Amino acid sequence: MRAVWFKSSHSTNEGGACVEVAVTDDSVRIRDSKDATRRHLTVARAEWVRFVRTAARG
């Protein structure tokens, strides 16, 4: 399965500090948008959900 990468609509390119994510059936892939050729990080979808919920709480 080919990954479809996207950035958040809230991301900013000021300073180039952005990440991209690609969601699959069982995982989420995360990469540096400034250098898409570098290896990506893969986490389980459940872990990603916990991360996003925690980040949203501040």
Protein backbone atom coordinates (compact mmCIF):
# COMPACT_ATOMS: atom_id res chain seq x y z
CA MET A 1 0.00 0.00 0.00
CA ARG A 2 1.39 3.38 -0.98
CA ALA A 3 1.29 5.99 1.77
CA VAL A 4 -0.55 9.25 1.15
CA TRP A 5 1.20 11.95 3.17
CA PHE A 6 -0.46 15.13 4.41
CA LYS A 7 0.17 18.10 6.69
CA SER A 8 -2.27 19.57 9.14
CA SER A 9 -4.22 22.58 7.93
CA HIS A 10 -2.83 24.30 11.06
CA SER A 11 0.81 23.70 10.16
CA THR A 12 3.00 26.59 9.26
CA ASN A 13 6.00 26.72 7.00
CA GLU A 14 7.61 29.53 9.00
CA GLY A 15 11.03 28.16 9.78
CA GLY A 16 10.13 24.93 8.00
CA ALA A 17 9.03 23.17 11.19
CA CYS A 18 6.38 20.76 9.93
CA VAL A 19 5.69 17.08 10.03
CA GLU A 20 3.59 15.00 7.66
CA VAL A 21 1.54 11.93 8.50
CA ALA A 22 0.19 9.01 6.51
CA VAL A 23 -2.52 6.81 7.97
CA THR A 24 -2.85 3.10 7.14
CA ASP A 25 -5.28 0.51 8.46
CA ASP A 26 -3.11 -0.33 11.47
CA SER A 27 -0.52 2.42 11.83
CA VAL A 28 0.38 6.06 11.41
CA ARG A 29 3.61 7.09 9.74
CA ILE A 30 5.27 10.39 10.66
CA ARG A 31 8.05 12.15 8.76
CA ASP A 32 9.90 15.44 8.53
CA SER A 33 8.34 17.47 5.72
CA LYS A 34 11.64 19.27 5.08
CA ASP A 35 13.38 15.99 4.15
CA ALA A 36 10.89 13.37 2.97
CA THR A 37 13.73 11.05 1.91
CA ARG A 38 14.70 10.35 5.53
CA ARG A 39 13.21 7.37 7.36
CA HIS A 40 9.79 7.82 8.89
CA LEU A 41 8.54 6.86 12.33
CA THR A 42 5.69 4.32 12.51
CA VAL A 43 3.35 4.05 15.49
CA ALA A 44 0.21 2.02 16.12
CA ARG A 45 -3.03 3.90 15.45
CA ALA A 46 -4.05 3.54 19.11
CA GLU A 47 -0.79 5.19 20.20
CA TRP A 48 -1.34 8.05 17.74
CA VAL A 49 -4.87 8.60 19.08
CA ARG A 50 -3.51 8.79 22.64
CA PHE A 51 -0.82 11.25 21.54
CA VAL A 52 -3.31 13.53 19.74
CA ARG A 53 -5.75 13.49 22.67
CA THR A 54 -2.96 14.34 25.12
CA ALA A 55 -1.63 17.12 22.89
CA ALA A 56 -5.11 18.59 22.50
CA ARG A 57 -5.45 18.84 26.27
CA GLY A 58 -2.28 20.92 26.37
